[in-house]
């Protein structure tokens, strides 16, 4: 029989409180605040793919999502799928910037 622990396990990975990996949502949304310590890769994604106000699942959403994923990967980032949207991580996917970013 499986028994749940008395205390919840500490969160591990990038989608933990406090944003330990400094993620950026894919695609950027128009109404989302920009972090003061935003990584350069996130800035470049927003420059190449303008933020959208399209709702996930709409026809307007997918081109922005696809282009922002392509920029993330091309620049050396990793795409992280978010299966459990929370207030801190509402997007369906995030870009995790690499440790060392490419120079422009």
PDB file of N, CA and C in Angstrom:
ATOM      1  N   UNK A   1       0.841  -1.182   0.000  1.00  0.00           N
ATOM      2  CA  UNK A   1       0.000   0.000   0.000  1.00  0.00           C
ATOM      3  C   UNK A   1       0.880   1.238   0.000  1.00  0.00           C
ATOM      4  N   UNK A   2       0.502   2.220  -0.822  1.00  0.00           N
ATOM      5  CA  UNK A   2       1.236   3.478  -0.911  1.00  0.00           C
ATOM      6  C   UNK A   2       0.706   4.444   0.136  1.00  0.00           C
ATOM      7  N   UNK A   3       1.612   5.053   0.902  1.00  0.00           N
ATOM      8  CA  UNK A   3       1.232   6.005   1.932  1.00  0.00           C
ATOM      9  C   UNK A   3       1.826   7.360   1.569  1.00  0.00           C
ATOM     10  N   UNK A   4       0.994   8.383   1.562  1.00  0.00           N
ATOM     11  CA  UNK A   4       1.467   9.726   1.292  1.00  0.00           C
ATOM     12  C   UNK A   4       2.301  10.233   2.461  1.00  0.00           C
ATOM     13  N   UNK A   5       3.356  10.990   2.189  1.00  0.00           N
ATOM     14  CA  UNK A   5       4.153  11.544   3.285  1.00  0.00           C
ATOM     15  C   UNK A   5       3.340  12.546   4.090  1.00  0.00           C
ATOM     16  N   UNK A   6       3.713  12.705   5.359  1.00  0.00           N
ATOM     17  CA  UNK A   6       3.000  13.625   6.248  1.00  0.00           C
ATOM     18  C   UNK A   6       3.162  15.067   5.792  1.00  0.00           C
ATOM     19  N   UNK A   7       4.308  15.389   5.211  1.00  0.00           N
ATOM     20  CA  UNK A   7       4.574  16.748   4.740  1.00  0.00           C
ATOM     21  C   UNK A   7       4.827  16.699   3.240  1.00  0.00           C
ATOM     22  N   UNK A   8       4.375  17.695   2.495  1.00  0.00           N
ATOM     23  CA  UNK A   8       4.612  17.679   1.059  1.00  0.00           C
ATOM     24  C   UNK A   8       6.112  17.770   0.769  1.00  0.00           C
ATOM     25  N   UNK A   9       6.544  17.056  -0.263  1.00  0.00           N
ATOM     26  CA  UNK A   9       7.950  17.099  -0.652  1.00  0.00           C
ATOM     27  C   UNK A   9       8.290  18.490  -1.166  1.00  0.00           C
ATOM     28  N   UNK A  10       9.533  18.880  -0.984  1.00  0.00           N
ATOM     29  CA  UNK A  10       9.963  20.163  -1.513  1.00  0.00           C
ATOM     30  C   UNK A  10       9.875  20.125  -3.028  1.00  0.00           C
ATOM     31  N   UNK A  11       9.525  21.239  -3.597  1.00  0.00           N
ATOM     32  CA  UNK A  11       9.406  21.334  -5.042  1.00  0.00           C
ATOM     33  C   UNK A  11      10.799  21.218  -5.656  1.00  0.00           C
ATOM     34  N   UNK A  12      10.906  20.460  -6.726  1.00  0.00           N
ATOM     35  CA  UNK A  12      12.157  20.327  -7.451  1.00  0.00           C
ATOM     36  C   UNK A  12      11.897  20.651  -8.910  1.00  0.00           C
ATOM     37  N   UNK A  13      12.847  21.286  -9.550  1.00  0.00           N
ATOM     38  CA  UNK A  13      12.704  21.634 -10.946  1.00  0.00           C
ATOM     39  C   UNK A  13      12.492  23.124 -11.134  1.00  0.00           C
ATOM     40  N   UNK A  14      12.150  23.495 -12.338  1.00  0.00           N
ATOM     41  CA  UNK A  14      12.039  24.910 -12.692  1.00  0.00           C
ATOM     42  C   UNK A  14      10.699  25.541 -12.340  1.00  0.00           C
ATOM     43  N   UNK A  15       9.628  24.768 -12.305  1.00  0.00           N
ATOM     44  CA  UNK A  15       8.298  25.334 -12.061  1.00  0.00           C
ATOM     45  C   UNK A  15       7.982  25.339 -10.567  1.00  0.00           C
ATOM     46  N   UNK A  16       8.919  25.846  -9.779  1.00  0.00           N
ATOM     47  CA  UNK A  16       8.766  25.923  -8.328  1.00  0.00           C
ATOM     48  C   UNK A  16       8.587  27.373  -7.909  1.00  0.00           C
ATOM     49  N   UNK A  17       7.985  27.602  -6.743  1.00  0.00           N
ATOM     50  CA  UNK A  17       7.826  28.978  -6.261  1.00  0.00           C
ATOM     51  C   UNK A  17       9.153  29.734  -6.265  1.00  0.00           C
ATOM     52  N   UNK A  18       9.084  30.968  -6.686  1.00  0.00           N
ATOM     53  CA  UNK A  18      10.274  31.805  -6.750  1.00  0.00           C
ATOM     54  C   UNK A  18      10.974  31.778  -8.095  1.00  0.00           C
ATOM     55  N   UNK A  19      10.502  30.952  -9.026  1.00  0.00           N
ATOM     56  CA  UNK A  19      11.043  30.876 -10.384  1.00  0.00           C
ATOM     57  C   UNK A  19      12.563  30.681 -10.384  1.00  0.00           C
ATOM     58  N   UNK A  20      13.048  29.529  -9.880  1.00  0.00           N
ATOM     59  CA  UNK A  20      14.494  29.312  -9.755  1.00  0.00           C
ATOM     60  C   UNK A  20      15.248  29.283 -11.085  1.00  0.00           C
ATOM     61  N   UNK A  21      14.579  29.019 -12.197  1.00  0.00           N
ATOM     62  CA  UNK A  21      15.254  28.922 -13.500  1.00  0.00           C
ATOM     63  C   UNK A  21      15.100  30.187 -14.331  1.00  0.00           C
ATOM     64  N   UNK A  22      14.413  31.200 -13.807  1.00  0.00           N
ATOM     65  CA  UNK A  22      14.212  32.476 -14.505  1.00  0.00           C
ATOM     66  C   UNK A  22      13.552  32.258 -15.864  1.00  0.00           C
ATOM     67  N   UNK A  23      12.408  31.600 -15.858  1.00  0.00           N
ATOM     68  CA  UNK A  23      11.677  31.229 -17.067  1.00  0.00           C
ATOM     69  C   UNK A  23      10.950  32.404 -17.694  1.00  0.00           C
ATOM     70  N   UNK A  24      10.661  32.273 -18.978  1.00  0.00           N
ATOM     71  CA  UNK A  24       9.777  33.242 -19.631  1.00  0.00           C
ATOM     72  C   UNK A  24       8.662  32.476 -20.341  1.00  0.00           C
ATOM     73  N   UNK A  25       7.438  33.004 -20.274  1.00  0.00           N
ATOM     74  CA  UNK A  25       6.297  32.317 -20.874  1.00  0.00           C
ATOM     75  C   UNK A  25       6.368  32.326 -22.392  1.00  0.00           C
ATOM     76  N   UNK A  26       5.841  31.267 -22.984  1.00  0.00           N
ATOM     77  CA  UNK A  26       5.762  31.143 -24.437  1.00  0.00           C
ATOM     78  C   UNK A  26       4.310  30.997 -24.844  1.00  0.00           C
ATOM     79  N   UNK A  27       3.789  31.882 -25.663  1.00  0.00           N
ATOM     80  CA  UNK A  27       4.363  33.155 -26.081  1.00  0.00           C
ATOM     81  C   UNK A  27       4.195  34.201 -24.987  1.00  0.00           C
ATOM     82  N   UNK A  28       4.892  35.327 -25.145  1.00  0.00           N
ATOM     83  CA  UNK A  28       4.712  36.437 -24.206  1.00  0.00           C
ATOM     84  C   UNK A  28       3.295  36.982 -24.376  1.00  0.00           C
ATOM     85  N   UNK A  29       2.682  37.331 -23.266  1.00  0.00           N
ATOM     86  CA  UNK A  29       1.326  37.879 -23.295  1.00  0.00           C
ATOM     87  C   UNK A  29       1.379  39.390 -23.063  1.00  0.00           C
ATOM     88  N   UNK A  30       0.489  40.127 -23.727  1.00  0.00           N
ATOM     89  CA  UNK A  30       0.475  41.589 -23.632  1.00  0.00           C
ATOM     90  C   UNK A  30       0.262  42.092 -22.211  1.00  0.00           C
ATOM     91  N   UNK A  31      -0.589  41.431 -21.446  1.00  0.00           N
ATOM     92  CA  UNK A  31      -0.924  41.933 -20.112  1.00  0.00           C
ATOM     93  C   UNK A  31      -0.003  41.424 -19.012  1.00  0.00           C
ATOM     94  N   UNK A  32       0.987  40.586 -19.352  1.00  0.00           N
ATOM     95  CA  UNK A  32       1.881  40.020 -18.336  1.00  0.00           C
ATOM     96  C   UNK A  32       2.977  41.028 -17.983  1.00  0.00           C
ATOM     97  N   UNK A  33       3.259  41.177 -16.688  1.00  0.00           N
ATOM     98  CA  UNK A  33       4.333  42.093 -16.294  1.00  0.00           C
ATOM     99  C   UNK A  33       5.696  41.532 -16.714  1.00  0.00           C
ATOM    100  N   UNK A  34       6.636  42.432 -16.981  1.00  0.00           N
ATOM    101  CA  UNK A  34       7.995  42.035 -17.354  1.00  0.00           C
ATOM    102  C   UNK A  34       8.852  42.105 -16.094  1.00  0.00           C
ATOM    103  N   UNK A  35       9.594  41.025 -15.824  1.00  0.00           N
ATOM    104  CA  UNK A  35      10.438  40.965 -14.635  1.00  0.00           C
ATOM    105  C   UNK A  35      11.616  41.933 -14.765  1.00  0.00           C
ATOM    106  N   UNK A  36      12.026  42.515 -13.635  1.00  0.00           N
ATOM    107  CA  UNK A  36      13.176  43.415 -13.630  1.00  0.00           C
ATOM    108  C   UNK A  36      14.455  42.709 -14.045  1.00  0.00           C
ATOM    109  N   UNK A  37      14.595  41.447 -13.654  1.00  0.00           N
ATOM    110  CA  UNK A  37      15.804  40.674 -13.954  1.00  0.00           C
ATOM    111  C   UNK A  37      15.581  39.715 -15.126  1.00  0.00           C
ATOM    112  N   UNK A  38      14.765  40.129 -16.081  1.00  0.00           N
ATOM    113  CA  UNK A  38      14.432  39.286 -17.224  1.00  0.00           C
ATOM    114  C   UNK A  38      15.696  38.910 -18.011  1.00  0.00           C
ATOM    115  N   UNK A  39      15.875  37.624 -18.315  1.00  0.00           N
ATOM    116  CA  UNK A  39      17.033  37.191 -19.100  1.00  0.00           C
ATOM    117  C   UNK A  39      17.019  37.788 -20.504  1.00  0.00           C
ATOM    118  N   UNK A  40      18.214  37.935 -21.091  1.00  0.00           N
ATOM    119  CA  UNK A  40      18.335  38.477 -22.442  1.00  0.00           C
ATOM    120  C   UNK A  40      17.558  37.647 -23.454  1.00  0.00           C
ATOM    121  N   UNK A  41      17.539  36.332 -23.279  1.00  0.00           N
ATOM    122  CA  UNK A  41      16.809  35.473 -24.222  1.00  0.00           C
ATOM    123  C   UNK A  41      15.324  35.820 -24.227  1.00  0.00           C
ATOM    124  N   UNK A  42      14.760  36.084 -23.070  1.00  0.00           N
ATOM    125  CA  UNK A  42      13.337  36.438 -23.004  1.00  0.00           C
ATOM    126  C   UNK A  42      13.076  37.753 -23.729  1.00  0.00           C
ATOM    127  N   UNK A  43      14.001  38.696 -23.604  1.00  0.00           N
ATOM    128  CA  UNK A  43      13.874  39.976 -24.313  1.00  0.00           C
ATOM    129  C   UNK A  43      13.918  39.748 -25.820  1.00  0.00           C
ATOM    130  N   UNK A  44      14.837  38.884 -26.260  1.00  0.00           N
ATOM    131  CA  UNK A  44      14.956  38.620 -27.699  1.00  0.00           C
ATOM    132  C   UNK A  44      13.711  37.915 -28.237  1.00  0.00           C
ATOM    133  N   UNK A  45      13.121  37.038 -27.448  1.00  0.00           N
ATOM    134  CA  UNK A  45      11.884  36.381 -27.882  1.00  0.00           C
ATOM    135  C   UNK A  45      10.793  37.421 -28.077  1.00  0.00           C
ATOM    136  N   UNK A  46      10.649  38.341 -27.114  1.00  0.00           N
ATOM    137  CA  UNK A  46       9.620  39.384 -27.230  1.00  0.00           C
ATOM    138  C   UNK A  46       9.887  40.327 -28.395  1.00  0.00           C
ATOM    139  N   UNK A  47      11.163  40.583 -28.713  1.00  0.00           N
ATOM    140  CA  UNK A  47      11.492  41.445 -29.845  1.00  0.00           C
ATOM    141  C   UNK A  47      11.131  40.782 -31.175  1.00  0.00           C
ATOM    142  N   UNK A  48      11.358  39.475 -31.262  1.00  0.00           N
ATOM    143  CA  UNK A  48      11.117  38.767 -32.517  1.00  0.00           C
ATOM    144  C   UNK A  48       9.678  38.297 -32.674  1.00  0.00           C
ATOM    145  N   UNK A  49       8.997  38.079 -31.548  1.00  0.00           N
ATOM    146  CA  UNK A  49       7.601  37.641 -31.576  1.00  0.00           C
ATOM    147  C   UNK A  49       6.826  38.564 -30.636  1.00  0.00           C
ATOM    148  N   UNK A  50       6.138  39.557 -31.174  1.00  0.00           N
ATOM    149  CA  UNK A  50       5.436  40.509 -30.318  1.00  0.00           C
ATOM    150  C   UNK A  50       4.456  39.812 -29.370  1.00  0.00           C
ATOM    151  N   UNK A  51       4.359  40.321 -28.139  1.00  0.00           N
ATOM    152  CA  UNK A  51       3.396  39.744 -27.189  1.00  0.00           C
ATOM    153  C   UNK A  51       1.990  39.730 -27.780  1.00  0.00           C
ATOM    154  N   UNK A  52       1.227  38.741 -27.400  1.00  0.00           N
ATOM    155  CA  UNK A  52      -0.120  38.559 -27.930  1.00  0.00           C
ATOM    156  C   UNK A  52      -1.148  38.649 -26.811  1.00  0.00           C
ATOM    157  N   UNK A  53      -2.382  38.905 -27.187  1.00  0.00           N
ATOM    158  CA  UNK A  53      -3.480  38.837 -26.220  1.00  0.00           C
ATOM    159  C   UNK A  53      -4.442  37.702 -26.603  1.00  0.00           C
ATOM    160  N   UNK A  54      -4.019  36.884 -27.579  1.00  0.00           N
ATOM    161  CA  UNK A  54      -4.836  35.751 -28.018  1.00  0.00           C
ATOM    162  C   UNK A  54      -4.907  34.688 -26.920  1.00  0.00           C
ATOM    163  N   UNK A  55      -6.065  34.094 -26.758  1.00  0.00           N
ATOM    164  CA  UNK A  55      -6.270  33.058 -25.753  1.00  0.00           C
ATOM    165  C   UNK A  55      -5.696  31.728 -26.222  1.00  0.00           C
ATOM    166  N   UNK A  56      -5.091  30.964 -25.295  1.00  0.00           N
ATOM    167  CA  UNK A  56      -4.586  29.638 -25.673  1.00  0.00           C
ATOM    168  C   UNK A  56      -5.690  28.797 -26.326  1.00  0.00           C
ATOM    169  N   UNK A  57      -5.339  28.155 -27.408  1.00  0.00           N
ATOM    170  CA  UNK A  57      -6.295  27.329 -28.132  1.00  0.00           C
ATOM    171  C   UNK A  57      -6.940  28.043 -29.302  1.00  0.00           C
ATOM    172  N   UNK A  58      -6.817  29.369 -29.352  1.00  0.00           N
ATOM    173  CA  UNK A  58      -7.418  30.106 -30.467  1.00  0.00           C
ATOM    174  C   UNK A  58      -6.489  30.057 -31.674  1.00  0.00           C
ATOM    175  N   UNK A  59      -7.044  30.290 -32.851  1.00  0.00           N
ATOM    176  CA  UNK A  59      -6.244  30.274 -34.083  1.00  0.00           C
ATOM    177  C   UNK A  59      -5.151  31.334 -34.065  1.00  0.00           C
ATOM    178  N   UNK A  60      -5.368  32.447 -33.388  1.00  0.00           N
ATOM    179  CA  UNK A  60      -4.387  33.522 -33.326  1.00  0.00           C
ATOM    180  C   UNK A  60      -3.235  33.174 -32.381  1.00  0.00           C
ATOM    181  N   UNK A  61      -3.480  32.294 -31.437  1.00  0.00           N
ATOM    182  CA  UNK A  61      -2.480  31.941 -30.423  1.00  0.00           C
ATOM    183  C   UNK A  61      -1.353  31.076 -30.995  1.00  0.00           C
ATOM    184  N   UNK A  62      -1.696  30.110 -31.812  1.00  0.00           N
ATOM    185  CA  UNK A  62      -0.728  29.115 -32.256  1.00  0.00           C
ATOM    186  C   UNK A  62       0.453  29.675 -33.041  1.00  0.00           C
ATOM    187  N   UNK A  63       0.279  30.623 -33.975  1.00  0.00           N
ATOM    188  CA  UNK A  63       1.462  31.162 -34.671  1.00  0.00           C
ATOM    189  C   UNK A  63       2.448  31.835 -33.711  1.00  0.00           C
ATOM    190  N   UNK A  64       1.943  32.582 -32.737  1.00  0.00           N
ATOM    191  CA  UNK A  64       2.826  33.223 -31.758  1.00  0.00           C
ATOM    192  C   UNK A  64       3.533  32.178 -30.913  1.00  0.00           C
ATOM    193  N   UNK A  65       2.810  31.151 -30.517  1.00  0.00           N
ATOM    194  CA  UNK A  65       3.397  30.083 -29.722  1.00  0.00           C
ATOM    195  C   UNK A  65       4.508  29.389 -30.514  1.00  0.00           C
ATOM    196  N   UNK A  66       4.206  28.997 -31.745  1.00  0.00           N
ATOM    197  CA  UNK A  66       5.185  28.284 -32.569  1.00  0.00           C
ATOM    198  C   UNK A  66       6.439  29.124 -32.814  1.00  0.00           C
ATOM    199  N   UNK A  67       6.259  30.401 -33.142  1.00  0.00           N
ATOM    200  CA  UNK A  67       7.417  31.265 -33.403  1.00  0.00           C
ATOM    201  C   UNK A  67       8.242  31.493 -32.146  1.00  0.00           C
ATOM    202  N   UNK A  68       7.593  31.663 -30.999  1.00  0.00           N
ATOM    203  CA  UNK A  68       8.343  31.900 -29.758  1.00  0.00           C
ATOM    204  C   UNK A  68       9.103  30.636 -29.330  1.00  0.00           C
ATOM    205  N   UNK A  69       8.525  29.458 -29.549  1.00  0.00           N
ATOM    206  CA  UNK A  69       9.230  28.199 -29.271  1.00  0.00           C
ATOM    207  C   UNK A  69      10.460  28.098 -30.171  1.00  0.00           C
ATOM    208  N   UNK A  70      10.307  28.438 -31.446  1.00  0.00           N
ATOM    209  CA  UNK A  70      11.424  28.360 -32.392  1.00  0.00           C
ATOM    210  C   UNK A  70      12.562  29.288 -31.973  1.00  0.00           C
ATOM    211  N   UNK A  71      12.251  30.497 -31.538  1.00  0.00           N
ATOM    212  CA  UNK A  71      13.292  31.433 -31.102  1.00  0.00           C
ATOM    213  C   UNK A  71      13.986  30.899 -29.858  1.00  0.00           C
ATOM    214  N   UNK A  72      13.223  30.392 -28.912  1.00  0.00           N
ATOM    215  CA  UNK A  72      13.790  29.834 -27.682  1.00  0.00           C
ATOM    216  C   UNK A  72      14.809  28.742 -28.012  1.00  0.00           C
ATOM    217  N   UNK A  73      14.419  27.803 -28.845  1.00  0.00           N
ATOM    218  CA  UNK A  73      15.286  26.669 -29.181  1.00  0.00           C
ATOM    219  C   UNK A  73      16.495  27.137 -29.997  1.00  0.00           C
ATOM    220  N   UNK A  74      16.258  28.011 -30.968  1.00  0.00           N
ATOM    221  CA  UNK A  74      17.352  28.507 -31.815  1.00  0.00           C
ATOM    222  C   UNK A  74      18.414  29.226 -30.985  1.00  0.00           C
ATOM    223  N   UNK A  75      17.995  29.890 -29.918  1.00  0.00           N
ATOM    224  CA  UNK A  75      18.920  30.638 -29.069  1.00  0.00           C
ATOM    225  C   UNK A  75      19.534  29.789 -27.964  1.00  0.00           C
ATOM    226  N   UNK A  76      19.249  28.485 -27.965  1.00  0.00           N
ATOM    227  CA  UNK A  76      19.870  27.591 -26.994  1.00  0.00           C
ATOM    228  C   UNK A  76      19.056  27.313 -25.751  1.00  0.00           C
ATOM    229  N   UNK A  77      17.822  27.794 -25.702  1.00  0.00           N
ATOM    230  CA  UNK A  77      16.965  27.561 -24.546  1.00  0.00           C
ATOM    231  C   UNK A  77      16.261  26.216 -24.613  1.00  0.00           C
ATOM    232  N   UNK A  78      15.681  25.832 -23.511  1.00  0.00           N
ATOM    233  CA  UNK A  78      14.888  24.603 -23.433  1.00  0.00           C
ATOM    234  C   UNK A  78      13.429  24.969 -23.222  1.00  0.00           C
ATOM    235  N   UNK A  79      12.541  24.276 -23.901  1.00  0.00           N
ATOM    236  CA  UNK A  79      11.107  24.502 -23.738  1.00  0.00           C
ATOM    237  C   UNK A  79      10.599  23.534 -22.666  1.00  0.00           C
ATOM    238  N   UNK A  80       9.927  24.098 -21.676  1.00  0.00           N
ATOM    239  CA  UNK A  80       9.372  23.314 -20.574  1.00  0.00           C
ATOM    240  C   UNK A  80       7.856  23.399 -20.647  1.00  0.00           C
ATOM    241  N   UNK A  81       7.222  22.254 -20.767  1.00  0.00           N
ATOM    242  CA  UNK A  81       5.756  22.199 -20.800  1.00  0.00           C
ATOM    243  C   UNK A  81       5.233  22.300 -19.377  1.00  0.00           C
ATOM    244  N   UNK A  82       4.186  23.074 -19.187  1.00  0.00           N
ATOM    245  CA  UNK A  82       3.578  23.279 -17.877  1.00  0.00           C
ATOM    246  C   UNK A  82       2.216  22.602 -17.861  1.00  0.00           C
ATOM    247  N   UNK A  83       2.130  21.480 -17.196  1.00  0.00           N
ATOM    248  CA  UNK A  83       0.868  20.732 -17.158  1.00  0.00           C
ATOM    249  C   UNK A  83      -0.076  21.231 -16.070  1.00  0.00           C
ATOM    250  N   UNK A  84       0.462  21.902 -15.061  1.00  0.00           N
ATOM    251  CA  UNK A  84      -0.363  22.374 -13.937  1.00  0.00           C
ATOM    252  C   UNK A  84      -0.221  23.886 -13.801  1.00  0.00           C
ATOM    253  N   UNK A  85      -1.039  24.613 -14.537  1.00  0.00           N
ATOM    254  CA  UNK A  85      -0.964  26.062 -14.463  1.00  0.00           C
ATOM    255  C   UNK A  85      -1.314  26.530 -13.057  1.00  0.00           C
ATOM    256  N   UNK A  86      -0.509  27.469 -12.545  1.00  0.00           N
ATOM    257  CA  UNK A  86      -0.734  28.071 -11.230  1.00  0.00           C
ATOM    258  C   UNK A  86      -0.722  29.587 -11.398  1.00  0.00           C
ATOM    259  N   UNK A  87      -0.987  30.304 -10.324  1.00  0.00           N
ATOM    260  CA  UNK A  87      -0.963  31.761 -10.393  1.00  0.00           C
ATOM    261  C   UNK A  87       0.433  32.267 -10.772  1.00  0.00           C
ATOM    262  N   UNK A  88       1.463  31.601 -10.268  1.00  0.00           N
ATOM    263  CA  UNK A  88       2.833  32.028 -10.581  1.00  0.00           C
ATOM    264  C   UNK A  88       3.262  31.592 -11.978  1.00  0.00           C
ATOM    265  N   UNK A  89       2.740  30.469 -12.452  1.00  0.00           N
ATOM    266  CA  UNK A  89       3.088  29.922 -13.767  1.00  0.00           C
ATOM    267  C   UNK A  89       1.818  29.620 -14.556  1.00  0.00           C
ATOM    268  N   UNK A  90       1.170  30.658 -15.127  1.00  0.00           N
ATOM    269  CA  UNK A  90      -0.101  30.446 -15.828  1.00  0.00           C
ATOM    270  C   UNK A  90       0.030  29.944 -17.273  1.00  0.00           C
ATOM    271  N   UNK A  91       1.215  30.081 -17.885  1.00  0.00           N
ATOM    272  CA  UNK A  91       1.375  29.701 -19.291  1.00  0.00           C
ATOM    273  C   UNK A  91       1.453  28.188 -19.458  1.00  0.00           C
ATOM    274  N   UNK A  92       1.177  27.743 -20.670  1.00  0.00           N
ATOM    275  CA  UNK A  92       1.241  26.312 -20.980  1.00  0.00           C
ATOM    276  C   UNK A  92       2.663  25.836 -21.224  1.00  0.00           C
ATOM    277  N   UNK A  93       3.551  26.758 -21.582  1.00  0.00           N
ATOM    278  CA  UNK A  93       4.953  26.409 -21.841  1.00  0.00           C
ATOM    279  C   UNK A  93       5.839  27.589 -21.470  1.00  0.00           C
ATOM    280  N   UNK A  94       7.079  27.274 -21.127  1.00  0.00           N
ATOM    281  CA  UNK A  94       8.063  28.285 -20.738  1.00  0.00           C
ATOM    282  C   UNK A  94       9.383  28.002 -21.424  1.00  0.00           C
ATOM    283  N   UNK A  95      10.175  29.054 -21.589  1.00  0.00           N
ATOM    284  CA  UNK A  95      11.522  28.925 -22.119  1.00  0.00           C
ATOM    285  C   UNK A  95      12.488  29.045 -20.946  1.00  0.00           C
ATOM    286  N   UNK A  96      13.352  28.064 -20.821  1.00  0.00           N
ATOM    287  CA  UNK A  96      14.402  28.099 -19.804  1.00  0.00           C
ATOM    288  C   UNK A  96      15.681  28.537 -20.504  1.00  0.00           C
ATOM    289  N   UNK A  97      16.162  29.748 -20.185  1.00  0.00           N
ATOM    290  CA  UNK A  97      17.377  30.217 -20.839  1.00  0.00           C
ATOM    291  C   UNK A  97      18.564  29.315 -20.508  1.00  0.00           C
ATOM    292  N   UNK A  98      19.500  29.185 -21.457  1.00  0.00           N
ATOM    293  CA  UNK A  98      20.696  28.395 -21.177  1.00  0.00           C
ATOM    294  C   UNK A  98      21.574  29.123 -20.158  1.00  0.00           C
ATOM    295  N   UNK A  99      22.487  28.391 -19.585  1.00  0.00           N
ATOM    296  CA  UNK A  99      23.391  28.995 -18.607  1.00  0.00           C
ATOM    297  C   UNK A  99      24.244  30.070 -19.273  1.00  0.00           C
ATOM    298  N   UNK A 100      24.716  29.785 -20.464  1.00  0.00           N
ATOM    299  CA  UNK A 100      25.512  30.749 -21.232  1.00  0.00           C
ATOM    300  C   UNK A 100      24.723  31.094 -22.484  1.00  0.00           C
ATOM    301  N   UNK A 101      24.379  32.372 -22.644  1.00  0.00           N
ATOM    302  CA  UNK A 101      23.589  32.807 -23.790  1.00  0.00           C
ATOM    303  C   UNK A 101      24.474  33.138 -24.979  1.00  0.00           C
ATOM    304  N   UNK A 102      23.943  32.912 -26.182  1.00  0.00           N
ATOM    305  CA  UNK A 102      24.635  33.315 -27.394  1.00  0.00           C
ATOM    306  C   UNK A 102      24.709  34.835 -27.439  1.00  0.00           C
ATOM    307  N   UNK A 103      25.747  35.355 -28.017  1.00  0.00           N
ATOM    308  CA  UNK A 103      25.880  36.806 -28.215  1.00  0.00           C
ATOM    309  C   UNK A 103      25.101  37.195 -29.459  1.00  0.00           C
ATOM    310  N   UNK A 104      24.546  38.401 -29.425  1.00  0.00           N
ATOM    311  CA  UNK A 104      23.790  38.884 -30.592  1.00  0.00           C
ATOM    312  C   UNK A 104      24.697  39.254 -31.730  1.00  0.00           C
TER     313      UNK A 104
END
